[in-house]
Amino acid sequence: MYLVFDVGGTFIKYALMDKEGAIREKNKVKTPKKPGNNSGDFVETIGRIFDECVEKETLDGIAMALPGQIDVENGIVYGGGALPYLHEVKLQALLEERCGGVMVALQNDAKAAALAEVWKGNASDVNDACIMIFGTGIGGAIIKDRKVHVGKHLLAGELSFAITGLSFEDVDKIRPVDGLGVLESYDKVPYISSAHGSTAMLCHKYAVRKGLLDDDVTGELIYKNAAEGDEVANRVLNEMYFAIAKQCLNLYVIYDPEVILIGGGISAEPKFLEGIREYVDKIKKISRIYQSIKLDVCKFRNDSNLLGALYNFKQKYENAV
């Protein structure tokens, strides 16, 4: 049995799972992030959950999906995303020490979602794929020979930061956005993909154009209003589809994957993939070179990070599972 974690900025979800990914038990706790919290608080939170679970089950390992750039081989977190106190923390070693030497494997959350598709989802029958996960930003993964390609600096698949829409006249106007909130960053740097293709910016653009508060706008509201003929709702959706379609076509000619999968909560709306495909079809008339591009949605959503974290463990410790 495996103890598998999906770490978010608000909650840590965890599950007891067998080696085939079946969930036997699932729960969640609040993520430590009060002033003064550090990696020790985080490790102890995980440790207490381990202590409770190991009393009920023999645990063969701990698998974890979490924010940040993850050095899977060495078990080190960089950046940390919503949990900056994990930056440069040798988390695998700390967890193994706290949990009695049990094997631990870490993976970035979006890349874990991609691995779920490789293992049992809509990329299970291919070797090479690109996965795009839409939310506050655009997470993703480049899959090569059924494994995550990480790149020299662990940045492969960090699609939020692909440059788009930057004009020559704007180059000297660029300013750092370190320390700013997500939406403020996107407003100040409207040249990266997340400023055009993320769910967060979809809602933000709609709120601004309609004179609403960001907290009052959801993707569901935008789709509802679009269906009722709201021109602003339809406009922001089509702008998003157009931006994502361009990124899909660029990924296709750069990497030539067998399939590009679209995930994230918004992908549950059928019109999301339909809209992207519509603009892909319009743009790919440029050349026959684009004709074989294949788009699909991710099969898994709610438990994708748990499933992918376990598959990452299986890949890391192939001879031990």
C-alpha atoms as a PDB file:
ATOM      1  CA  MET A   1       0.000   0.000   0.000  1.00  0.00           C
ATOM      2  CA  TYR A   2       1.179   3.531  -0.784  1.00  0.00           C
ATOM      3  CA  LEU A   3       0.549   6.845   0.962  1.00  0.00           C
ATOM      4  CA  VAL A   4       0.029   9.410  -1.795  1.00  0.00           C
ATOM      5  CA  PHE A   5      -0.177  13.197  -1.395  1.00  0.00           C
ATOM      6  CA  ASP A   6      -1.503  16.013  -3.568  1.00  0.00           C
ATOM      7  CA  VAL A   7      -0.174  19.209  -1.986  1.00  0.00           C
ATOM      8  CA  GLY A   8      -1.933  22.486  -2.719  1.00  0.00           C
ATOM      9  CA  GLY A   9      -1.683  25.975  -1.334  1.00  0.00           C
ATOM     10  CA  THR A  10      -4.799  25.505   0.837  1.00  0.00           C
ATOM     11  CA  PHE A  11      -5.126  21.767   1.448  1.00  0.00           C
ATOM     12  CA  ILE A  12      -2.986  18.649   1.423  1.00  0.00           C
ATOM     13  CA  LYS A  13      -5.079  15.820  -0.005  1.00  0.00           C
ATOM     14  CA  TYR A  14      -3.864  12.318   0.720  1.00  0.00           C
ATOM     15  CA  ALA A  15      -4.927   8.767  -0.032  1.00  0.00           C
ATOM     16  CA  LEU A  16      -4.015   5.177   0.639  1.00  0.00           C
ATOM     17  CA  MET A  17      -3.663   3.551  -2.774  1.00  0.00           C
ATOM     18  CA  ASP A  18      -2.733   0.098  -3.988  1.00  0.00           C
ATOM     19  CA  LYS A  19      -0.078  -0.456  -6.637  1.00  0.00           C
ATOM     20  CA  GLU A  20      -2.670  -0.253  -9.434  1.00  0.00           C
ATOM     21  CA  GLY A  21      -3.900   3.156  -8.317  1.00  0.00           C
ATOM     22  CA  ALA A  22      -7.138   2.150  -6.609  1.00  0.00           C
ATOM     23  CA  ILE A  23      -7.953   4.501  -3.734  1.00  0.00           C
ATOM     24  CA  ARG A  24      -8.743   2.685  -0.492  1.00  0.00           C
ATOM     25  CA  GLU A  25      -9.103   5.747   1.722  1.00  0.00           C
ATOM     26  CA  LYS A  26      -8.898   9.518   1.150  1.00  0.00           C
ATOM     27  CA  ASN A  27      -8.737  12.607   3.354  1.00  0.00           C
ATOM     28  CA  LYS A  28      -7.263  16.099   3.544  1.00  0.00           C
ATOM     29  CA  VAL A  29      -5.705  18.557   6.018  1.00  0.00           C
ATOM     30  CA  LYS A  30      -4.902  22.253   5.818  1.00  0.00           C
ATOM     31  CA  THR A  31      -1.552  23.117   4.310  1.00  0.00           C
ATOM     32  CA  PRO A  32       0.850  24.732   6.819  1.00  0.00           C
ATOM     33  CA  LYS A  33       1.397  28.335   5.751  1.00  0.00           C
ATOM     34  CA  LYS A  34       0.927  30.632   8.744  1.00  0.00           C
ATOM     35  CA  PRO A  35       3.610  33.256   9.395  1.00  0.00           C
ATOM     36  CA  GLY A  36       6.657  31.481  10.710  1.00  0.00           C
ATOM     37  CA  ASN A  37       5.867  28.142   9.078  1.00  0.00           C
ATOM     38  CA  ASN A  38       8.816  26.489   7.385  1.00  0.00           C
ATOM     39  CA  SER A  39       9.772  23.182   5.869  1.00  0.00           C
ATOM     40  CA  GLY A  40       9.903  21.623   9.342  1.00  0.00           C
ATOM     41  CA  ASP A  41       6.191  22.326   9.869  1.00  0.00           C
ATOM     42  CA  PHE A  42       5.427  20.783   6.500  1.00  0.00           C
ATOM     43  CA  VAL A  43       7.513  17.665   7.122  1.00  0.00           C
ATOM     44  CA  GLU A  44       5.931  17.163  10.530  1.00  0.00           C
ATOM     45  CA  THR A  45       2.431  17.479   9.048  1.00  0.00           C
ATOM     46  CA  ILE A  46       3.251  14.736   6.558  1.00  0.00           C
ATOM     47  CA  GLY A  47       4.907  12.730   9.309  1.00  0.00           C
ATOM     48  CA  ARG A  48       1.819  12.769  11.513  1.00  0.00           C
ATOM     49  CA  ILE A  49      -0.325  11.530   8.626  1.00  0.00           C
ATOM     50  CA  PHE A  50       2.235   8.782   7.991  1.00  0.00           C
ATOM     51  CA  ASP A  51       2.141   7.761  11.660  1.00  0.00           C
ATOM     52  CA  GLU A  52      -1.641   7.424  11.559  1.00  0.00           C
ATOM     53  CA  CYS A  53      -1.655   5.437   8.319  1.00  0.00           C
ATOM     54  CA  VAL A  54       1.203   3.083   9.150  1.00  0.00           C
ATOM     55  CA  GLU A  55      -0.765   1.890  12.178  1.00  0.00           C
ATOM     56  CA  LYS A  56      -3.461   0.623   9.796  1.00  0.00           C
ATOM     57  CA  GLU A  57      -1.454  -0.493   6.767  1.00  0.00           C
ATOM     58  CA  THR A  58       2.001  -1.657   5.803  1.00  0.00           C
ATOM     59  CA  LEU A  59       3.270   1.211   3.645  1.00  0.00           C
ATOM     60  CA  ASP A  60       5.630   0.517   0.747  1.00  0.00           C
ATOM     61  CA  GLY A  61       6.307   4.149  -0.066  1.00  0.00           C
ATOM     62  CA  ILE A  62       5.252   7.783  -0.101  1.00  0.00           C
ATOM     63  CA  ALA A  63       4.407   9.501  -3.391  1.00  0.00           C
ATOM     64  CA  MET A  64       3.804  13.242  -3.576  1.00  0.00           C
ATOM     65  CA  ALA A  65       2.675  15.820  -6.123  1.00  0.00           C
ATOM     66  CA  LEU A  66       3.381  19.420  -5.155  1.00  0.00           C
ATOM     67  CA  PRO A  67       3.998  22.900  -6.624  1.00  0.00           C
ATOM     68  CA  GLY A  68       7.369  24.076  -7.850  1.00  0.00           C
ATOM     69  CA  GLN A  69      10.143  22.786 -10.064  1.00  0.00           C
ATOM     70  CA  ILE A  70      10.996  19.336  -8.764  1.00  0.00           C
ATOM     71  CA  ASP A  71      14.317  17.549  -9.114  1.00  0.00           C
ATOM     72  CA  VAL A  72      12.755  14.088  -9.089  1.00  0.00           C
ATOM     73  CA  GLU A  73      16.044  12.200  -9.109  1.00  0.00           C
ATOM     74  CA  ASN A  74      17.450  13.992  -6.062  1.00  0.00           C
ATOM     75  CA  GLY A  75      14.181  14.865  -4.330  1.00  0.00           C
ATOM     76  CA  ILE A  76      14.733  18.630  -4.174  1.00  0.00           C
ATOM     77  CA  VAL A  77      12.063  21.337  -4.519  1.00  0.00           C
ATOM     78  CA  TYR A  78      12.827  24.631  -6.259  1.00  0.00           C
ATOM     79  CA  GLY A  79      10.530  27.646  -6.194  1.00  0.00           C
ATOM     80  CA  GLY A  80       7.792  25.963  -4.237  1.00  0.00           C
ATOM     81  CA  GLY A  81       4.943  27.826  -5.926  1.00  0.00           C
ATOM     82  CA  ALA A  82       2.336  28.597  -3.259  1.00  0.00           C
ATOM     83  CA  LEU A  83       4.735  27.187  -0.644  1.00  0.00           C
ATOM     84  CA  PRO A  84       7.891  29.288  -1.021  1.00  0.00           C
ATOM     85  CA  TYR A  85       9.305  27.911   2.246  1.00  0.00           C
ATOM     86  CA  LEU A  86      10.031  24.684   0.341  1.00  0.00           C
ATOM     87  CA  HIS A  87      12.451  26.418  -2.043  1.00  0.00           C
ATOM     88  CA  GLU A  88      15.745  24.492  -2.242  1.00  0.00           C
ATOM     89  CA  VAL A  89      14.549  22.046   0.421  1.00  0.00           C
ATOM     90  CA  LYS A  90      15.833  18.463   0.122  1.00  0.00           C
ATOM     91  CA  LEU A  91      12.348  17.266   0.855  1.00  0.00           C
ATOM     92  CA  GLN A  92      12.737  13.624  -0.111  1.00  0.00           C
ATOM     93  CA  ALA A  93      15.574  13.112   2.359  1.00  0.00           C
ATOM     94  CA  LEU A  94      13.718  14.944   5.137  1.00  0.00           C
ATOM     95  CA  LEU A  95      10.562  12.881   4.642  1.00  0.00           C
ATOM     96  CA  GLU A  96      12.465   9.614   4.451  1.00  0.00           C
ATOM     97  CA  GLU A  97      14.209  10.437   7.714  1.00  0.00           C
ATOM     98  CA  ARG A  98      10.963  11.468   9.452  1.00  0.00           C
ATOM     99  CA  CYS A  99       9.044   8.438   8.173  1.00  0.00           C
ATOM    100  CA  GLY A 100      11.410   5.674   9.194  1.00  0.00           C
ATOM    101  CA  GLY A 101      13.312   5.269   5.942  1.00  0.00           C
ATOM    102  CA  VAL A 102      10.330   4.557   3.698  1.00  0.00           C
ATOM    103  CA  MET A 103      10.997   5.349   0.025  1.00  0.00           C
ATOM    104  CA  VAL A 104       9.716   8.755  -1.165  1.00  0.00           C
ATOM    105  CA  ALA A 105       9.167  10.122  -4.673  1.00  0.00           C
ATOM    106  CA  LEU A 106       8.268  13.747  -5.498  1.00  0.00           C
ATOM    107  CA  GLN A 107       6.817  15.235  -8.679  1.00  0.00           C
ATOM    108  CA  ASN A 108       5.473  18.611  -9.827  1.00  0.00           C
ATOM    109  CA  ASP A 109       1.665  18.662  -9.623  1.00  0.00           C
ATOM    110  CA  ALA A 110       0.983  19.434 -13.295  1.00  0.00           C
ATOM    111  CA  LYS A 111       3.490  16.807 -14.382  1.00  0.00           C
ATOM    112  CA  ALA A 112       1.832  14.321 -12.060  1.00  0.00           C
ATOM    113  CA  ALA A 113      -1.483  15.057 -13.789  1.00  0.00           C
ATOM    114  CA  ALA A 114       0.252  14.342 -17.086  1.00  0.00           C
ATOM    115  CA  LEU A 115       1.645  11.043 -15.800  1.00  0.00           C
ATOM    116  CA  ALA A 116      -1.870   9.979 -14.796  1.00  0.00           C
ATOM    117  CA  GLU A 117      -2.794  10.297 -18.475  1.00  0.00           C
ATOM    118  CA  VAL A 118       0.280   8.322 -19.512  1.00  0.00           C
ATOM    119  CA  TRP A 119      -0.496   5.523 -17.076  1.00  0.00           C
ATOM    120  CA  LYS A 120      -4.242   5.071 -17.400  1.00  0.00           C
ATOM    121  CA  GLY A 121      -5.634   8.031 -19.349  1.00  0.00           C
ATOM    122  CA  ASN A 122      -5.817   9.432 -22.855  1.00  0.00           C
ATOM    123  CA  ALA A 123      -2.060   9.179 -23.449  1.00  0.00           C
ATOM    124  CA  SER A 124      -1.830   5.537 -22.367  1.00  0.00           C
ATOM    125  CA  ASP A 125      -1.394   4.329 -25.951  1.00  0.00           C
ATOM    126  CA  VAL A 126       1.304   6.789 -27.074  1.00  0.00           C
ATOM    127  CA  ASN A 127       4.984   7.367 -26.365  1.00  0.00           C
ATOM    128  CA  ASP A 128       5.212  11.136 -26.920  1.00  0.00           C
ATOM    129  CA  ALA A 129       2.646  13.712 -25.818  1.00  0.00           C
ATOM    130  CA  CYS A 130       2.163  17.270 -24.600  1.00  0.00           C
ATOM    131  CA  ILE A 131      -0.218  17.938 -21.725  1.00  0.00           C
ATOM    132  CA  MET A 132      -1.581  21.405 -20.908  1.00  0.00           C
ATOM    133  CA  ILE A 133      -3.305  21.996 -17.555  1.00  0.00           C
ATOM    134  CA  PHE A 134      -5.333  25.216 -17.296  1.00  0.00           C
ATOM    135  CA  GLY A 135      -5.960  26.965 -13.988  1.00  0.00           C
ATOM    136  CA  THR A 136      -4.398  29.974 -12.282  1.00  0.00           C
ATOM    137  CA  GLY A 137      -1.568  29.514 -14.757  1.00  0.00           C
ATOM    138  CA  ILE A 138      -0.848  26.988 -17.482  1.00  0.00           C
ATOM    139  CA  GLY A 139       0.902  23.924 -16.152  1.00  0.00           C
ATOM    140  CA  GLY A 140       2.086  21.224 -18.410  1.00  0.00           C
ATOM    141  CA  ALA A 141       4.436  18.451 -19.309  1.00  0.00           C
ATOM    142  CA  ILE A 142       6.406  17.188 -22.255  1.00  0.00           C
ATOM    143  CA  ILE A 143       6.200  13.395 -22.339  1.00  0.00           C
ATOM    144  CA  LYS A 144       9.021  11.571 -24.141  1.00  0.00           C
ATOM    145  CA  ASP A 145       9.022   7.768 -24.260  1.00  0.00           C
ATOM    146  CA  ARG A 146       6.275   7.765 -21.604  1.00  0.00           C
ATOM    147  CA  LYS A 147       8.357   9.735 -19.112  1.00  0.00           C
ATOM    148  CA  VAL A 148       8.419  13.422 -18.192  1.00  0.00           C
ATOM    149  CA  HIS A 149      11.112  15.362 -20.031  1.00  0.00           C
ATOM    150  CA  VAL A 150      12.395  17.856 -17.457  1.00  0.00           C
ATOM    151  CA  GLY A 151      15.109  19.753 -19.329  1.00  0.00           C
ATOM    152  CA  LYS A 152      18.406  21.146 -18.049  1.00  0.00           C
ATOM    153  CA  HIS A 153      16.778  23.544 -15.553  1.00  0.00           C
ATOM    154  CA  LEU A 154      13.604  21.523 -14.751  1.00  0.00           C
ATOM    155  CA  LEU A 155      11.581  23.965 -16.872  1.00  0.00           C
ATOM    156  CA  ALA A 156      10.324  21.816 -19.749  1.00  0.00           C
ATOM    157  CA  GLY A 157       6.558  22.156 -19.894  1.00  0.00           C
ATOM    158  CA  GLU A 158       6.331  25.401 -17.889  1.00  0.00           C
ATOM    159  CA  LEU A 159       3.946  26.751 -20.490  1.00  0.00           C
ATOM    160  CA  SER A 160       2.797  29.736 -18.442  1.00  0.00           C
ATOM    161  CA  PHE A 161       5.978  31.518 -19.419  1.00  0.00           C
ATOM    162  CA  ALA A 162       5.937  31.022 -23.174  1.00  0.00           C
ATOM    163  CA  ILE A 163       6.267  34.464 -24.784  1.00  0.00           C
ATOM    164  CA  THR A 164       3.348  35.563 -26.927  1.00  0.00           C
ATOM    165  CA  GLY A 165       2.073  38.900 -28.180  1.00  0.00           C
ATOM    166  CA  LEU A 166       5.249  40.833 -27.373  1.00  0.00           C
ATOM    167  CA  SER A 167       5.898  43.648 -29.846  1.00  0.00           C
ATOM    168  CA  PHE A 168       9.237  45.247 -30.651  1.00  0.00           C
ATOM    169  CA  GLU A 169       7.983  48.530 -29.220  1.00  0.00           C
ATOM    170  CA  ASP A 170       7.217  46.934 -25.850  1.00  0.00           C
ATOM    171  CA  VAL A 171      10.568  45.242 -25.197  1.00  0.00           C
ATOM    172  CA  ASP A 172      12.053  48.160 -23.283  1.00  0.00           C
ATOM    173  CA  LYS A 173       8.895  48.536 -21.204  1.00  0.00           C
ATOM    174  CA  ILE A 174       9.235  45.118 -19.573  1.00  0.00           C
ATOM    175  CA  ARG A 175       9.612  45.221 -15.800  1.00  0.00           C
ATOM    176  CA  PRO A 176      10.095  42.417 -13.250  1.00  0.00           C
ATOM    177  CA  VAL A 177       6.958  41.208 -11.505  1.00  0.00           C
ATOM    178  CA  ASP A 178       8.594  39.256  -8.685  1.00  0.00           C
ATOM    179  CA  GLY A 179       6.578  39.547  -5.513  1.00  0.00           C
ATOM    180  CA  LEU A 180       3.365  40.640  -7.218  1.00  0.00           C
ATOM    181  CA  GLY A 181       0.109  38.726  -7.087  1.00  0.00           C
ATOM    182  CA  VAL A 182      -0.865  36.489  -9.985  1.00  0.00           C
ATOM    183  CA  LEU A 183      -3.416  38.774 -11.654  1.00  0.00           C
ATOM    184  CA  GLU A 184      -1.301  41.889 -11.111  1.00  0.00           C
ATOM    185  CA  SER A 185       1.630  40.092 -12.722  1.00  0.00           C
ATOM    186  CA  TYR A 186      -0.454  39.183 -15.760  1.00  0.00           C
ATOM    187  CA  ASP A 187      -1.698  42.765 -16.088  1.00  0.00           C
ATOM    188  CA  LYS A 188       1.847  44.148 -15.993  1.00  0.00           C
ATOM    189  CA  VAL A 189       3.321  41.476 -18.271  1.00  0.00           C
ATOM    190  CA  PRO A 190       0.656  40.662 -20.869  1.00  0.00           C
ATOM    191  CA  TYR A 191       3.266  38.943 -23.034  1.00  0.00           C
ATOM    192  CA  ILE A 192       3.272  35.493 -21.455  1.00  0.00           C
ATOM    193  CA  SER A 193       0.865  32.694 -22.278  1.00  0.00           C
ATOM    194  CA  SER A 194      -0.884  32.711 -18.902  1.00  0.00           C
ATOM    195  CA  ALA A 195      -1.978  36.291 -19.493  1.00  0.00           C
ATOM    196  CA  HIS A 196      -4.041  35.061 -22.441  1.00  0.00           C
ATOM    197  CA  GLY A 197      -4.805  31.390 -21.858  1.00  0.00           C
ATOM    198  CA  SER A 198      -5.228  30.778 -18.122  1.00  0.00           C
ATOM    199  CA  THR A 199      -8.576  30.327 -16.431  1.00  0.00           C
ATOM    200  CA  ALA A 200      -7.639  33.019 -13.915  1.00  0.00           C
ATOM    201  CA  MET A 201      -7.168  35.593 -16.664  1.00  0.00           C
ATOM    202  CA  LEU A 202     -10.359  34.525 -18.440  1.00  0.00           C
ATOM    203  CA  CYS A 203     -12.306  35.413 -15.287  1.00  0.00           C
ATOM    204  CA  HIS A 204     -10.271  38.563 -14.653  1.00  0.00           C
ATOM    205  CA  LYS A 205     -10.814  39.924 -18.170  1.00  0.00           C
ATOM    206  CA  TYR A 206     -14.526  39.292 -17.932  1.00  0.00           C
ATOM    207  CA  ALA A 207     -14.712  40.984 -14.518  1.00  0.00           C
ATOM    208  CA  VAL A 208     -12.870  44.075 -15.783  1.00  0.00           C
ATOM    209  CA  ARG A 209     -14.972  44.421 -18.921  1.00  0.00           C
ATOM    210  CA  LYS A 210     -18.243  43.952 -17.029  1.00  0.00           C
ATOM    211  CA  GLY A 211     -17.317  46.082 -14.024  1.00  0.00           C
ATOM    212  CA  LEU A 212     -17.470  43.124 -11.614  1.00  0.00           C
ATOM    213  CA  LEU A 213     -15.263  41.948  -8.772  1.00  0.00           C
ATOM    214  CA  ASP A 214     -12.834  39.120  -9.580  1.00  0.00           C
ATOM    215  CA  ASP A 215     -14.261  37.056  -6.722  1.00  0.00           C
ATOM    216  CA  ASP A 216     -17.727  37.196  -8.286  1.00  0.00           C
ATOM    217  CA  VAL A 217     -16.670  35.622 -11.585  1.00  0.00           C
ATOM    218  CA  THR A 218     -16.211  31.939 -12.345  1.00  0.00           C
ATOM    219  CA  GLY A 219     -15.747  29.977 -15.523  1.00  0.00           C
ATOM    220  CA  GLU A 220     -19.198  28.498 -15.032  1.00  0.00           C
ATOM    221  CA  LEU A 221     -20.729  31.987 -14.932  1.00  0.00           C
ATOM    222  CA  ILE A 222     -18.961  33.019 -18.130  1.00  0.00           C
ATOM    223  CA  TYR A 223     -20.150  29.912 -20.000  1.00  0.00           C
ATOM    224  CA  LYS A 224     -23.694  30.403 -18.704  1.00  0.00           C
ATOM    225  CA  ASN A 225     -23.760  34.021 -19.811  1.00  0.00           C
ATOM    226  CA  ALA A 226     -22.197  33.162 -23.159  1.00  0.00           C
ATOM    227  CA  ALA A 227     -24.976  30.634 -23.796  1.00  0.00           C
ATOM    228  CA  GLU A 228     -27.489  33.395 -23.068  1.00  0.00           C
ATOM    229  CA  GLY A 229     -25.937  35.685 -25.690  1.00  0.00           C
ATOM    230  CA  ASP A 230     -23.586  37.814 -23.566  1.00  0.00           C
ATOM    231  CA  GLU A 231     -21.222  39.310 -26.161  1.00  0.00           C
ATOM    232  CA  VAL A 232     -18.470  40.037 -23.619  1.00  0.00           C
ATOM    233  CA  ALA A 233     -18.544  36.451 -22.372  1.00  0.00           C
ATOM    234  CA  ASN A 234     -18.310  35.109 -25.904  1.00  0.00           C
ATOM    235  CA  ARG A 235     -15.509  37.529 -26.718  1.00  0.00           C
ATOM    236  CA  VAL A 236     -13.277  36.599 -23.773  1.00  0.00           C
ATOM    237  CA  LEU A 237     -13.847  32.899 -24.412  1.00  0.00           C
ATOM    238  CA  ASN A 238     -12.911  33.215 -28.079  1.00  0.00           C
ATOM    239  CA  GLU A 239      -9.816  35.238 -27.206  1.00  0.00           C
ATOM    240  CA  MET A 240      -8.780  32.430 -24.884  1.00  0.00           C
ATOM    241  CA  TYR A 241      -9.447  29.711 -27.475  1.00  0.00           C
ATOM    242  CA  PHE A 242      -7.405  31.633 -30.042  1.00  0.00           C
ATOM    243  CA  ALA A 243      -4.445  32.023 -27.677  1.00  0.00           C
ATOM    244  CA  ILE A 244      -4.462  28.343 -26.728  1.00  0.00           C
ATOM    245  CA  ALA A 245      -4.841  27.214 -30.348  1.00  0.00           C
ATOM    246  CA  LYS A 246      -1.691  29.133 -31.301  1.00  0.00           C
ATOM    247  CA  GLN A 247       0.198  27.529 -28.455  1.00  0.00           C
ATOM    248  CA  CYS A 248      -1.004  24.064 -29.477  1.00  0.00           C
ATOM    249  CA  LEU A 249       0.168  24.564 -33.035  1.00  0.00           C
ATOM    250  CA  ASN A 250       3.538  25.846 -31.861  1.00  0.00           C
ATOM    251  CA  LEU A 251       3.963  22.831 -29.577  1.00  0.00           C
ATOM    252  CA  TYR A 252       3.038  20.580 -32.461  1.00  0.00           C
ATOM    253  CA  VAL A 253       5.733  21.833 -34.838  1.00  0.00           C
ATOM    254  CA  ILE A 254       8.362  22.143 -32.094  1.00  0.00           C
ATOM    255  CA  TYR A 255       7.890  18.668 -30.618  1.00  0.00           C
ATOM    256  CA  ASP A 256       5.614  16.711 -33.008  1.00  0.00           C
ATOM    257  CA  PRO A 257       3.757  14.810 -30.261  1.00  0.00           C
ATOM    258  CA  GLU A 258       1.286  12.050 -30.995  1.00  0.00           C
ATOM    259  CA  VAL A 259      -1.381  13.893 -29.007  1.00  0.00           C
ATOM    260  CA  ILE A 260      -1.845  17.163 -27.121  1.00  0.00           C
ATOM    261  CA  LEU A 261      -4.105  16.785 -24.097  1.00  0.00           C
ATOM    262  CA  ILE A 262      -6.061  19.611 -22.482  1.00  0.00           C
ATOM    263  CA  GLY A 263      -6.767  19.452 -18.746  1.00  0.00           C
ATOM    264  CA  GLY A 264      -7.743  21.486 -15.704  1.00  0.00           C
ATOM    265  CA  GLY A 265     -11.179  22.116 -14.241  1.00  0.00           C
ATOM    266  CA  ILE A 266     -12.361  24.167 -17.215  1.00  0.00           C
ATOM    267  CA  SER A 267     -11.752  21.221 -19.559  1.00  0.00           C
ATOM    268  CA  ALA A 268     -14.887  19.579 -18.132  1.00  0.00           C
ATOM    269  CA  GLU A 269     -16.871  22.084 -20.220  1.00  0.00           C
ATOM    270  CA  PRO A 270     -17.254  20.439 -23.678  1.00  0.00           C
ATOM    271  CA  LYS A 271     -17.248  23.819 -25.425  1.00  0.00           C
ATOM    272  CA  PHE A 272     -13.707  24.452 -24.170  1.00  0.00           C
ATOM    273  CA  LEU A 273     -12.073  21.834 -26.396  1.00  0.00           C
ATOM    274  CA  GLU A 274     -14.548  22.598 -29.184  1.00  0.00           C
ATOM    275  CA  GLY A 275     -13.513  26.247 -29.155  1.00  0.00           C
ATOM    276  CA  ILE A 276      -9.812  25.452 -29.224  1.00  0.00           C
ATOM    277  CA  ARG A 277     -10.302  23.011 -32.095  1.00  0.00           C
ATOM    278  CA  GLU A 278     -12.267  25.602 -34.052  1.00  0.00           C
ATOM    279  CA  TYR A 279      -9.334  28.035 -33.983  1.00  0.00           C
ATOM    280  CA  VAL A 280      -6.774  25.303 -34.616  1.00  0.00           C
ATOM    281  CA  ASP A 281      -8.729  24.392 -37.747  1.00  0.00           C
ATOM    282  CA  LYS A 282      -8.803  28.027 -38.875  1.00  0.00           C
ATOM    283  CA  ILE A 283      -5.088  28.603 -38.330  1.00  0.00           C
ATOM    284  CA  LYS A 284      -3.792  25.285 -39.667  1.00  0.00           C
ATOM    285  CA  LYS A 285      -4.999  26.221 -43.160  1.00  0.00           C
ATOM    286  CA  ILE A 286      -1.616  27.969 -43.390  1.00  0.00           C
ATOM    287  CA  SER A 287       0.062  24.695 -44.340  1.00  0.00           C
ATOM    288  CA  ARG A 288      -0.492  20.982 -44.675  1.00  0.00           C
ATOM    289  CA  ILE A 289       2.302  20.554 -42.123  1.00  0.00           C
ATOM    290  CA  TYR A 290      -0.275  21.047 -39.348  1.00  0.00           C
ATOM    291  CA  GLN A 291      -2.830  18.576 -40.671  1.00  0.00           C
ATOM    292  CA  SER A 292      -2.035  15.642 -38.355  1.00  0.00           C
ATOM    293  CA  ILE A 293      -2.299  17.558 -35.074  1.00  0.00           C
ATOM    294  CA  LYS A 294      -4.445  15.641 -32.572  1.00  0.00           C
ATOM    295  CA  LEU A 295      -6.148  17.284 -29.576  1.00  0.00           C
ATOM    296  CA  ASP A 296      -8.079  15.619 -26.782  1.00  0.00           C
ATOM    297  CA  VAL A 297      -9.061  16.272 -23.175  1.00  0.00           C
ATOM    298  CA  CYS A 298      -7.466  14.666 -20.149  1.00  0.00           C
ATOM    299  CA  LYS A 299      -9.378  11.678 -18.799  1.00  0.00           C
ATOM    300  CA  PHE A 300      -8.668  12.424 -15.148  1.00  0.00           C
ATOM    301  CA  ARG A 301      -9.386  15.566 -13.133  1.00  0.00           C
ATOM    302  CA  ASN A 302     -10.069  15.357  -9.396  1.00  0.00           C
ATOM    303  CA  ASP A 303      -7.655  12.540  -8.553  1.00  0.00           C
ATOM    304  CA  SER A 304      -5.187  13.034 -11.402  1.00  0.00           C
ATOM    305  CA  ASN A 305      -2.382  14.354  -9.205  1.00  0.00           C
ATOM    306  CA  LEU A 306      -2.699  11.418  -6.809  1.00  0.00           C
ATOM    307  CA  LEU A 307      -2.700   8.874  -9.617  1.00  0.00           C
ATOM    308  CA  GLY A 308       0.214  10.532 -11.398  1.00  0.00           C
ATOM    309  CA  ALA A 309       2.251  10.891  -8.207  1.00  0.00           C
ATOM    310  CA  LEU A 310       1.959   7.139  -7.677  1.00  0.00           C
ATOM    311  CA  TYR A 311       2.977   6.413 -11.270  1.00  0.00           C
ATOM    312  CA  ASN A 312       5.969   8.704 -10.794  1.00  0.00           C
ATOM    313  CA  PHE A 313       6.917   6.582  -7.758  1.00  0.00           C
ATOM    314  CA  LYS A 314       6.600   3.431  -9.863  1.00  0.00           C
ATOM    315  CA  GLN A 315       8.864   4.907 -12.532  1.00  0.00           C
ATOM    316  CA  LYS A 316      11.447   6.135 -10.017  1.00  0.00           C
ATOM    317  CA  TYR A 317      11.630   2.814  -8.208  1.00  0.00           C
ATOM    318  CA  GLU A 318      10.809   0.431 -11.042  1.00  0.00           C
ATOM    319  CA  ASN A 319      12.449  -2.576  -9.401  1.00  0.00           C
ATOM    320  CA  ALA A 320      10.788  -1.963  -6.036  1.00  0.00           C
ATOM    321  CA  VAL A 321       7.125  -1.933  -7.082  1.00  0.00           C
END
